[in-house]
Amino acid sequence: GMFQIVREPTRKDYLLDLVLTDLQNVSASITPSIADHKGVLFKLP
């Protein structure tokens, strides 16, 4: 019953950095790049 919450590309045009969860109301946002990947910030309610 898990779903993936990252909605934007994290490395060039591709979504490679995932957050998989079965928890409701978890949010994710993309942060500036660290090396060749963007960071992912997720918040738990």
All heavy atoms as atom14 arrays in JSON, in Angstrom:
{
  "sequence": "GMFQIVREPTRKDYLLDLVLTDLQNVSASITPSIADHKGVLFKLP",
  "atom14_mask": [
    [1, 1, 1, 1, 0, 0, 0, 0, 0, 0, 0, 0, 0, 0],
    [1, 1, 1, 1, 1, 1, 1, 1, 0, 0, 0, 0, 0, 0],
    [1, 1, 1, 1, 1, 1, 1, 1, 1, 1, 1, 0, 0, 0],
    [1, 1, 1, 1, 1, 1, 1, 1, 1, 0, 0, 0, 0, 0],
    [1, 1, 1, 1, 1, 1, 1, 1, 0, 0, 0, 0, 0, 0],
    [1, 1, 1, 1, 1, 1, 1, 0, 0, 0, 0, 0, 0, 0],
    [1, 1, 1, 1, 1, 1, 1, 1, 1, 1, 1, 0, 0, 0],
    [1, 1, 1, 1, 1, 1, 1, 1, 1, 0, 0, 0, 0, 0],
    [1, 1, 1, 1, 1, 1, 1, 0, 0, 0, 0, 0, 0, 0],
    [1, 1, 1, 1, 1, 1, 1, 0, 0, 0, 0, 0, 0, 0],
    [1, 1, 1, 1, 1, 1, 1, 1, 1, 1, 1, 0, 0, 0],
    [1, 1, 1, 1, 1, 1, 1, 1, 1, 0, 0, 0, 0, 0],
    [1, 1, 1, 1, 1, 1, 1, 1, 0, 0, 0, 0, 0, 0],
    [1, 1, 1, 1, 1, 1, 1, 1, 1, 1, 1, 1, 0, 0],
    [1, 1, 1, 1, 1, 1, 1, 1, 0, 0, 0, 0, 0, 0],
    [1, 1, 1, 1, 1, 1, 1, 1, 0, 0, 0, 0, 0, 0],
    [1, 1, 1, 1, 1, 1, 1, 1, 0, 0, 0, 0, 0, 0],
    [1, 1, 1, 1, 1, 1, 1, 1, 0, 0, 0, 0, 0, 0],
    [1, 1, 1, 1, 1, 1, 1, 0, 0, 0, 0, 0, 0, 0],
    [1, 1, 1, 1, 1, 1, 1, 1, 0, 0, 0, 0, 0, 0],
    [1, 1, 1, 1, 1, 1, 1, 0, 0, 0, 0, 0, 0, 0],
    [1, 1, 1, 1, 1, 1, 1, 1, 0, 0, 0, 0, 0, 0],
    [1, 1, 1, 1, 1, 1, 1, 1, 0, 0, 0, 0, 0, 0],
    [1, 1, 1, 1, 1, 1, 1, 1, 1, 0, 0, 0, 0, 0],
    [1, 1, 1, 1, 1, 1, 1, 1, 0, 0, 0, 0, 0, 0],
    [1, 1, 1, 1, 1, 1, 1, 0, 0, 0, 0, 0, 0, 0],
    [1, 1, 1, 1, 1, 1, 0, 0, 0, 0, 0, 0, 0, 0],
    [1, 1, 1, 1, 1, 0, 0, 0, 0, 0, 0, 0, 0, 0],
    [1, 1, 1, 1, 1, 1, 0, 0, 0, 0, 0, 0, 0, 0],
    [1, 1, 1, 1, 1, 1, 1, 1, 0, 0, 0, 0, 0, 0],
    [1, 1, 1, 1, 1, 1, 1, 0, 0, 0, 0, 0, 0, 0],
    [1, 1, 1, 1, 1, 1, 1, 0, 0, 0, 0, 0, 0, 0],
    [1, 1, 1, 1, 1, 1, 0, 0, 0, 0, 0, 0, 0, 0],
    [1, 1, 1, 1, 1, 1, 1, 1, 0, 0, 0, 0, 0, 0],
    [1, 1, 1, 1, 1, 0, 0, 0, 0, 0, 0, 0, 0, 0],
    [1, 1, 1, 1, 1, 1, 1, 1, 0, 0, 0, 0, 0, 0],
    [1, 1, 1, 1, 1, 1, 1, 1, 1, 1, 0, 0, 0, 0],
    [1, 1, 1, 1, 1, 1, 1, 1, 1, 0, 0, 0, 0, 0],
    [1, 1, 1, 1, 0, 0, 0, 0, 0, 0, 0, 0, 0, 0],
    [1, 1, 1, 1, 1, 1, 1, 0, 0, 0, 0, 0, 0, 0],
    [1, 1, 1, 1, 1, 1, 1, 1, 0, 0, 0, 0, 0, 0],
    [1, 1, 1, 1, 1, 1, 1, 1, 1, 1, 1, 0, 0, 0],
    [1, 1, 1, 1, 1, 1, 1, 1, 1, 0, 0, 0, 0, 0],
    [1, 1, 1, 1, 1, 1, 1, 1, 0, 0, 0, 0, 0, 0],
    [1, 1, 1, 1, 1, 1, 1, 0, 0, 0, 0, 0, 0, 0]
  ],
  "atom14_positions": [
    [[0.81, -1.21, 0.0], [0.0, 0.0, 0.0], [0.84, 1.27, 0.0], [0.41, 2.31, 0.49], [0.0, 0.0, 0.0], [0.0, 0.0, 0.0], [0.0, 0.0, 0.0], [0.0, 0.0, 0.0], [0.0, 0.0, 0.0], [0.0, 0.0, 0.0], [0.0, 0.0, 0.0], [0.0, 0.0, 0.0], [0.0, 0.0, 0.0], [0.0, 0.0, 0.0]],
    [[2.05, 1.18, -0.56], [2.93, 2.34, -0.6], [2.77, 3.1, -1.92], [2.37, 2.52, -2.93], [4.39, 1.92, -0.43], [4.71, 1.35, 0.93], [6.49, 1.11, 1.23], [6.9, -0.15, 0.05], [0.0, 0.0, 0.0], [0.0, 0.0, 0.0], [0.0, 0.0, 0.0], [0.0, 0.0, 0.0], [0.0, 0.0, 0.0], [0.0, 0.0, 0.0]],
    [[3.1, 4.36, -1.88], [3.07, 5.2, -3.07], [4.34, 6.04, -3.07], [5.01, 6.18, -2.05], [1.81, 6.07, -3.11], [1.47, 6.7, -1.79], [1.93, 7.96, -1.46], [0.71, 5.99, -0.85], [1.63, 8.52, -0.23], [0.41, 6.55, 0.39], [0.87, 7.82, 0.7], [0.0, 0.0, 0.0], [0.0, 0.0, 0.0], [0.0, 0.0, 0.0]],
    [[4.67, 6.6, -4.23], [5.89, 7.37, -4.42], [5.5, 8.85, -4.42], [4.59, 9.24, -5.12], [6.53, 6.97, -5.75], [8.0, 7.31, -5.89], [8.24, 8.8, -6.06], [8.96, 9.4, -5.27], [7.65, 9.41, -7.06], [0.0, 0.0, 0.0], [0.0, 0.0, 0.0], [0.0, 0.0, 0.0], [0.0, 0.0, 0.0], [0.0, 0.0, 0.0]],
    [[6.2, 9.69, -3.6], [5.74, 11.07, -3.42], [6.59, 12.15, -4.1], [6.21, 13.31, -4.09], [5.57, 11.41, -1.93], [6.9, 11.36, -1.19], [4.54, 10.5, -1.29], [6.83, 11.93, 0.23], [0.0, 0.0, 0.0], [0.0, 0.0, 0.0], [0.0, 0.0, 0.0], [0.0, 0.0, 0.0], [0.0, 0.0, 0.0], [0.0, 0.0, 0.0]],
    [[7.74, 11.81, -4.67], [8.56, 12.81, -5.35], [7.99, 13.01, -6.74], [7.78, 12.05, -7.47], [10.04, 12.39, -5.41], [10.89, 13.47, -6.07], [10.57, 12.07, -4.01], [0.0, 0.0, 0.0], [0.0, 0.0, 0.0], [0.0, 0.0, 0.0], [0.0, 0.0, 0.0], [0.0, 0.0, 0.0], [0.0, 0.0, 0.0], [0.0, 0.0, 0.0]],
    [[7.76, 14.26, -7.13], [7.05, 14.53, -8.39], [7.89, 15.22, -9.46], [7.41, 15.45, -10.55], [5.82, 15.4, -8.1], [4.84, 14.75, -7.16], [4.14, 13.6, -7.83], [3.27, 12.92, -6.9], [3.27, 11.61, -6.7], [4.1, 10.85, -7.37], [2.46, 11.06, -5.85], [0.0, 0.0, 0.0], [0.0, 0.0, 0.0], [0.0, 0.0, 0.0]],
    [[9.14, 15.55, -9.16], [9.98, 16.26, -10.12], [11.25, 15.46, -10.39], [11.65, 14.64, -9.57], [10.38, 17.62, -9.55], [9.22, 18.55, -9.25], [9.68, 19.82, -8.58], [10.71, 20.38, -9.03], [9.04, 20.23, -7.62], [0.0, 0.0, 0.0], [0.0, 0.0, 0.0], [0.0, 0.0, 0.0], [0.0, 0.0, 0.0], [0.0, 0.0, 0.0]],
    [[11.91, 15.72, -11.52], [13.19, 15.04, -11.8], [14.23, 15.39, -10.73], [14.23, 16.51, -10.22], [13.61, 15.61, -13.16], [12.39, 16.18, -13.76], [11.51, 16.61, -12.62], [0.0, 0.0, 0.0], [0.0, 0.0, 0.0], [0.0, 0.0, 0.0], [0.0, 0.0, 0.0], [0.0, 0.0, 0.0], [0.0, 0.0, 0.0], [0.0, 0.0, 0.0]],
    [[15.09, 14.45, -10.41], [16.13, 14.68, -9.42], [17.53, 14.59, -10.01], [18.5, 15.02, -9.38], [16.01, 13.69, -8.25], [16.05, 12.36, -8.76], [14.72, 13.91, -7.48], [0.0, 0.0, 0.0], [0.0, 0.0, 0.0], [0.0, 0.0, 0.0], [0.0, 0.0, 0.0], [0.0, 0.0, 0.0], [0.0, 0.0, 0.0], [0.0, 0.0, 0.0]],
    [[17.66, 13.99, -11.18], [18.95, 13.96, -11.88], [18.69, 14.21, -13.36], [18.1, 13.36, -14.03], [19.67, 12.63, -11.69], [21.07, 12.65, -12.32], [21.84, 11.39, -12.01], [23.22, 11.52, -12.42], [23.67, 11.16, -13.63], [22.86, 10.67, -14.54], [24.95, 11.31, -13.92], [0.0, 0.0, 0.0], [0.0, 0.0, 0.0], [0.0, 0.0, 0.0]],
    [[19.1, 15.37, -13.83], [18.81, 15.81, -15.19], [17.3, 15.72, -15.44], [16.53, 16.29, -14.69], [19.65, 15.04, -16.2], [21.14, 15.26, -16.02], [21.95, 14.55, -17.06], [23.44, 14.81, -16.81], [24.28, 14.07, -17.71], [0.0, 0.0, 0.0], [0.0, 0.0, 0.0], [0.0, 0.0, 0.0], [0.0, 0.0, 0.0], [0.0, 0.0, 0.0]],
    [[16.87, 14.97, -16.46], [15.45, 14.87, -16.78], [14.75, 13.71, -16.08], [13.57, 13.46, -16.34], [15.26, 14.7, -18.3], [15.7, 15.92, -19.07], [15.65, 17.03, -18.5], [16.1, 15.78, -20.24], [0.0, 0.0, 0.0], [0.0, 0.0, 0.0], [0.0, 0.0, 0.0], [0.0, 0.0, 0.0], [0.0, 0.0, 0.0], [0.0, 0.0, 0.0]],
    [[15.45, 12.99, -15.2], [14.92, 11.74, -14.66], [14.67, 11.8, -13.16], [15.37, 12.47, -12.41], [15.87, 10.58, -14.98], [16.09, 10.44, -16.46], [17.35, 10.63, -17.01], [15.03, 10.15, -17.32], [17.55, 10.53, -18.38], [15.22, 10.04, -18.68], [16.48, 10.24, -19.21], [16.66, 10.15, -20.56], [0.0, 0.0, 0.0], [0.0, 0.0, 0.0]],
    [[13.67, 11.07, -12.73], [13.33, 10.91, -11.33], [13.98, 9.62, -10.83], [13.48, 8.53, -11.09], [11.81, 10.84, -11.16], [11.27, 10.5, -9.78], [11.79, 11.46, -8.73], [9.75, 10.5, -9.8], [0.0, 0.0, 0.0], [0.0, 0.0, 0.0], [0.0, 0.0, 0.0], [0.0, 0.0, 0.0], [0.0, 0.0, 0.0], [0.0, 0.0, 0.0]],
    [[15.12, 9.74, -10.16], [15.86, 8.57, -9.68], [15.85, 8.47, -8.16], [16.09, 7.4, -7.61], [17.32, 8.62, -10.17], [17.51, 8.67, -11.68], [19.0, 8.72, -12.02], [16.85, 7.5, -12.37], [0.0, 0.0, 0.0], [0.0, 0.0, 0.0], [0.0, 0.0, 0.0], [0.0, 0.0, 0.0], [0.0, 0.0, 0.0], [0.0, 0.0, 0.0]],
    [[15.58, 9.59, -7.48], [15.59, 9.62, -6.02], [14.14, 9.58, -5.55], [13.39, 10.53, -5.74], [16.3, 10.89, -5.55], [17.71, 10.96, -6.12], [18.6, 10.36, -5.5], [17.89, 11.59, -7.18], [0.0, 0.0, 0.0], [0.0, 0.0, 0.0], [0.0, 0.0, 0.0], [0.0, 0.0, 0.0], [0.0, 0.0, 0.0], [0.0, 0.0, 0.0]],
    [[13.77, 8.46, -4.93], [12.37, 8.19, -4.61], [12.13, 8.22, -3.1], [13.03, 7.95, -2.31], [11.95, 6.83, -5.16], [12.22, 6.56, -6.64], [11.74, 5.16, -7.01], [11.56, 7.6, -7.51], [0.0, 0.0, 0.0], [0.0, 0.0, 0.0], [0.0, 0.0, 0.0], [0.0, 0.0, 0.0], [0.0, 0.0, 0.0], [0.0, 0.0, 0.0]],
    [[10.89, 8.52, -2.74], [10.41, 8.36, -1.36], [9.14, 7.52, -1.47], [8.13, 7.95, -2.03], [10.11, 9.72, -0.69], [9.53, 9.49, 0.7], [11.37, 10.57, -0.61], [0.0, 0.0, 0.0], [0.0, 0.0, 0.0], [0.0, 0.0, 0.0], [0.0, 0.0, 0.0], [0.0, 0.0, 0.0], [0.0, 0.0, 0.0], [0.0, 0.0, 0.0]],
    [[9.21, 6.29, -0.97], [8.11, 5.34, -1.01], [7.53, 5.21, 0.39], [8.27, 4.96, 1.34], [8.61, 3.97, -1.49], [9.48, 3.97, -2.76], [10.1, 2.59, -2.98], [8.66, 4.39, -3.95], [0.0, 0.0, 0.0], [0.0, 0.0, 0.0], [0.0, 0.0, 0.0], [0.0, 0.0, 0.0], [0.0, 0.0, 0.0], [0.0, 0.0, 0.0]],
    [[6.22, 5.35, 0.52], [5.62, 5.3, 1.86], [4.16, 4.87, 1.79], [3.51, 5.01, 0.75], [5.74, 6.68, 2.56], [5.3, 6.55, 3.91], [4.94, 7.74, 1.83], [0.0, 0.0, 0.0], [0.0, 0.0, 0.0], [0.0, 0.0, 0.0], [0.0, 0.0, 0.0], [0.0, 0.0, 0.0], [0.0, 0.0, 0.0], [0.0, 0.0, 0.0]],
    [[3.66, 4.38, 2.91], [2.24, 4.11, 3.05], [1.6, 5.12, 4.01], [0.44, 5.0, 4.37], [1.99, 2.68, 3.54], [2.6, 2.38, 4.9], [3.35, 3.22, 5.43], [2.35, 1.28, 5.42], [0.0, 0.0, 0.0], [0.0, 0.0, 0.0], [0.0, 0.0, 0.0], [0.0, 0.0, 0.0], [0.0, 0.0, 0.0], [0.0, 0.0, 0.0]],
    [[2.36, 6.13, 4.42], [1.89, 7.15, 5.35], [1.19, 8.27, 4.59], [1.71, 8.77, 3.59], [3.07, 7.73, 6.13], [3.87, 6.72, 6.96], [5.16, 7.36, 7.44], [3.04, 6.22, 8.13], [0.0, 0.0, 0.0], [0.0, 0.0, 0.0], [0.0, 0.0, 0.0], [0.0, 0.0, 0.0], [0.0, 0.0, 0.0], [0.0, 0.0, 0.0]],
    [[0.05, 8.68, 5.09], [-0.69, 9.78, 4.47], [-0.08, 11.12, 4.88], [0.55, 11.24, 5.93], [-2.16, 9.73, 4.89], [-2.86, 8.44, 4.48], [-2.85, 8.22, 2.97], [-3.15, 9.12, 2.2], [-2.5, 7.01, 2.55], [0.0, 0.0, 0.0], [0.0, 0.0, 0.0], [0.0, 0.0, 0.0], [0.0, 0.0, 0.0], [0.0, 0.0, 0.0]],
    [[-0.29, 12.13, 4.08], [0.11, 13.5, 4.37], [1.61, 13.7, 4.5], [2.05, 14.62, 5.19], [-0.6, 14.02, 5.62], [-2.1, 13.99, 5.47], [-2.63, 14.34, 4.42], [-2.79, 13.53, 6.49], [0.0, 0.0, 0.0], [0.0, 0.0, 0.0], [0.0, 0.0, 0.0], [0.0, 0.0, 0.0], [0.0, 0.0, 0.0], [0.0, 0.0, 0.0]],
    [[2.41, 12.85, 3.87], [3.85, 13.07, 3.79], [4.09, 13.91, 2.55], [3.55, 13.62, 1.48], [4.64, 11.74, 3.7], [6.13, 12.0, 3.58], [4.36, 10.86, 4.91], [0.0, 0.0, 0.0], [0.0, 0.0, 0.0], [0.0, 0.0, 0.0], [0.0, 0.0, 0.0], [0.0, 0.0, 0.0], [0.0, 0.0, 0.0], [0.0, 0.0, 0.0]],
    [[4.87, 14.97, 2.67], [5.13, 15.82, 1.52], [6.6, 15.79, 1.16], [7.45, 15.53, 2.01], [4.7, 17.26, 1.81], [5.47, 17.8, 2.86], [0.0, 0.0, 0.0], [0.0, 0.0, 0.0], [0.0, 0.0, 0.0], [0.0, 0.0, 0.0], [0.0, 0.0, 0.0], [0.0, 0.0, 0.0], [0.0, 0.0, 0.0], [0.0, 0.0, 0.0]],
    [[6.89, 16.04, -0.11], [8.28, 16.06, -0.59], [8.48, 17.26, -1.49], [7.59, 17.64, -2.24], [8.59, 14.78, -1.35], [0.0, 0.0, 0.0], [0.0, 0.0, 0.0], [0.0, 0.0, 0.0], [0.0, 0.0, 0.0], [0.0, 0.0, 0.0], [0.0, 0.0, 0.0], [0.0, 0.0, 0.0], [0.0, 0.0, 0.0], [0.0, 0.0, 0.0]],
    [[9.64, 17.86, -1.38], [10.01, 18.95, -2.29], [11.47, 18.76, -2.69], [12.25, 18.12, -1.98], [9.79, 20.31, -1.62], [10.52, 20.41, -0.42], [0.0, 0.0, 0.0], [0.0, 0.0, 0.0], [0.0, 0.0, 0.0], [0.0, 0.0, 0.0], [0.0, 0.0, 0.0], [0.0, 0.0, 0.0], [0.0, 0.0, 0.0], [0.0, 0.0, 0.0]],
    [[11.8, 19.34, -3.82], [13.15, 19.22, -4.37], [13.98, 20.39, -3.88], [13.52, 21.53, -3.84], [13.1, 19.2, -5.91], [12.24, 18.03, -6.4], [14.49, 19.15, -6.52], [12.71, 16.68, -5.95], [0.0, 0.0, 0.0], [0.0, 0.0, 0.0], [0.0, 0.0, 0.0], [0.0, 0.0, 0.0], [0.0, 0.0, 0.0], [0.0, 0.0, 0.0]],
    [[15.24, 20.12, -3.52], [16.17, 21.16, -3.08], [17.29, 21.28, -4.12], [17.38, 20.45, -5.02], [16.75, 20.82, -1.69], [17.57, 19.66, -1.79], [15.63, 20.57, -0.68], [0.0, 0.0, 0.0], [0.0, 0.0, 0.0], [0.0, 0.0, 0.0], [0.0, 0.0, 0.0], [0.0, 0.0, 0.0], [0.0, 0.0, 0.0], [0.0, 0.0, 0.0]],
    [[18.14, 22.27, -3.99], [19.24, 22.43, -4.96], [20.13, 21.18, -5.04], [20.16, 20.35, -4.13], [20.02, 23.63, -4.42], [18.99, 24.42, -3.67], [18.09, 23.38, -3.05], [0.0, 0.0, 0.0], [0.0, 0.0, 0.0], [0.0, 0.0, 0.0], [0.0, 0.0, 0.0], [0.0, 0.0, 0.0], [0.0, 0.0, 0.0], [0.0, 0.0, 0.0]],
    [[20.87, 21.11, -6.13], [21.73, 19.94, -6.39], [22.84, 19.78, -5.37], [23.41, 20.75, -4.88], [22.35, 20.05, -7.79], [21.37, 19.97, -8.77], [0.0, 0.0, 0.0], [0.0, 0.0, 0.0], [0.0, 0.0, 0.0], [0.0, 0.0, 0.0], [0.0, 0.0, 0.0], [0.0, 0.0, 0.0], [0.0, 0.0, 0.0], [0.0, 0.0, 0.0]],
    [[23.12, 18.51, -5.08], [24.29, 18.09, -4.32], [25.01, 17.14, -5.27], [24.48, 16.08, -5.59], [23.89, 17.36, -3.03], [23.02, 18.25, -2.16], [25.11, 16.88, -2.29], [22.38, 17.54, -0.99], [0.0, 0.0, 0.0], [0.0, 0.0, 0.0], [0.0, 0.0, 0.0], [0.0, 0.0, 0.0], [0.0, 0.0, 0.0], [0.0, 0.0, 0.0]],
    [[26.17, 17.52, -5.77], [26.86, 16.76, -6.82], [25.96, 16.72, -8.05], [25.49, 17.76, -8.48], [27.27, 15.38, -6.33], [0.0, 0.0, 0.0], [0.0, 0.0, 0.0], [0.0, 0.0, 0.0], [0.0, 0.0, 0.0], [0.0, 0.0, 0.0], [0.0, 0.0, 0.0], [0.0, 0.0, 0.0], [0.0, 0.0, 0.0], [0.0, 0.0, 0.0]],
    [[25.63, 15.53, -8.57], [24.84, 15.46, -9.81], [23.36, 15.16, -9.57], [22.61, 14.94, -10.52], [25.44, 14.43, -10.77], [25.47, 13.02, -10.18], [25.35, 12.88, -8.95], [25.62, 12.08, -10.96], [0.0, 0.0, 0.0], [0.0, 0.0, 0.0], [0.0, 0.0, 0.0], [0.0, 0.0, 0.0], [0.0, 0.0, 0.0], [0.0, 0.0, 0.0]],
    [[22.9, 15.13, -8.32], [21.49, 14.91, -7.99], [20.96, 16.08, -7.19], [21.68, 16.69, -6.4], [21.31, 13.65, -7.13], [21.5, 12.38, -7.86], [20.47, 11.52, -8.13], [22.61, 11.8, -8.39], [20.93, 10.47, -8.78], [22.23, 10.62, -8.95], [0.0, 0.0, 0.0], [0.0, 0.0, 0.0], [0.0, 0.0, 0.0], [0.0, 0.0, 0.0]],
    [[19.68, 16.37, -7.36], [19.02, 17.33, -6.49], [18.68, 16.62, -5.18], [18.51, 15.4, -5.14], [17.75, 17.86, -7.16], [18.05, 18.71, -8.37], [16.78, 19.21, -9.02], [17.14, 20.04, -10.25], [15.94, 20.43, -11.0], [0.0, 0.0, 0.0], [0.0, 0.0, 0.0], [0.0, 0.0, 0.0], [0.0, 0.0, 0.0], [0.0, 0.0, 0.0]],
    [[18.58, 17.38, -4.13], [18.18, 16.82, -2.85], [16.67, 16.69, -2.77], [15.94, 17.32, -3.52], [0.0, 0.0, 0.0], [0.0, 0.0, 0.0], [0.0, 0.0, 0.0], [0.0, 0.0, 0.0], [0.0, 0.0, 0.0], [0.0, 0.0, 0.0], [0.0, 0.0, 0.0], [0.0, 0.0, 0.0], [0.0, 0.0, 0.0], [0.0, 0.0, 0.0]],
    [[16.22, 15.85, -1.84], [14.79, 15.7, -1.59], [14.55, 15.97, -0.11], [15.19, 15.36, 0.75], [14.29, 14.28, -1.96], [12.81, 14.12, -1.6], [14.53, 13.97, -3.42], [0.0, 0.0, 0.0], [0.0, 0.0, 0.0], [0.0, 0.0, 0.0], [0.0, 0.0, 0.0], [0.0, 0.0, 0.0], [0.0, 0.0, 0.0], [0.0, 0.0, 0.0]],
    [[13.66, 16.9, 0.18], [13.26, 17.21, 1.55], [11.86, 16.66, 1.74], [10.95, 17.01, 0.99], [13.25, 18.73, 1.77], [12.66, 19.21, 3.1], [13.56, 18.83, 4.27], [12.45, 20.72, 3.05], [0.0, 0.0, 0.0], [0.0, 0.0, 0.0], [0.0, 0.0, 0.0], [0.0, 0.0, 0.0], [0.0, 0.0, 0.0], [0.0, 0.0, 0.0]],
    [[11.69, 15.76, 2.71], [10.34, 15.29, 2.97], [9.97, 15.52, 4.43], [10.82, 15.52, 5.3], [10.11, 13.85, 2.53], [11.04, 12.82, 3.1], [10.69, 12.1, 4.22], [12.25, 12.54, 2.48], [11.54, 11.13, 4.73], [13.09, 11.58, 2.97], [12.74, 10.88, 4.11], [0.0, 0.0, 0.0], [0.0, 0.0, 0.0], [0.0, 0.0, 0.0]],
    [[8.68, 15.78, 4.64], [8.16, 16.11, 5.96], [7.09, 15.11, 6.35], [6.22, 14.77, 5.55], [7.57, 17.52, 5.96], [8.58, 18.6, 5.65], [7.94, 19.96, 5.66], [8.93, 21.04, 5.28], [8.31, 22.37, 5.29], [0.0, 0.0, 0.0], [0.0, 0.0, 0.0], [0.0, 0.0, 0.0], [0.0, 0.0, 0.0], [0.0, 0.0, 0.0]],
    [[7.17, 14.68, 7.6], [6.2, 13.75, 8.16], [5.29, 14.49, 9.12], [5.78, 15.26, 9.96], [6.91, 12.61, 8.9], [7.87, 11.77, 8.08], [8.69, 10.87, 8.97], [7.11, 10.95, 7.07], [0.0, 0.0, 0.0], [0.0, 0.0, 0.0], [0.0, 0.0, 0.0], [0.0, 0.0, 0.0], [0.0, 0.0, 0.0], [0.0, 0.0, 0.0]],
    [[3.99, 14.27, 9.06], [3.05, 15.03, 9.91], [2.86, 14.42, 11.29], [1.74, 14.27, 11.76], [1.76, 14.97, 9.1], [1.83, 13.62, 8.46], [3.29, 13.42, 8.12], [0.0, 0.0, 0.0], [0.0, 0.0, 0.0], [0.0, 0.0, 0.0], [0.0, 0.0, 0.0], [0.0, 0.0, 0.0], [0.0, 0.0, 0.0], [0.0, 0.0, 0.0]]
  ]
}
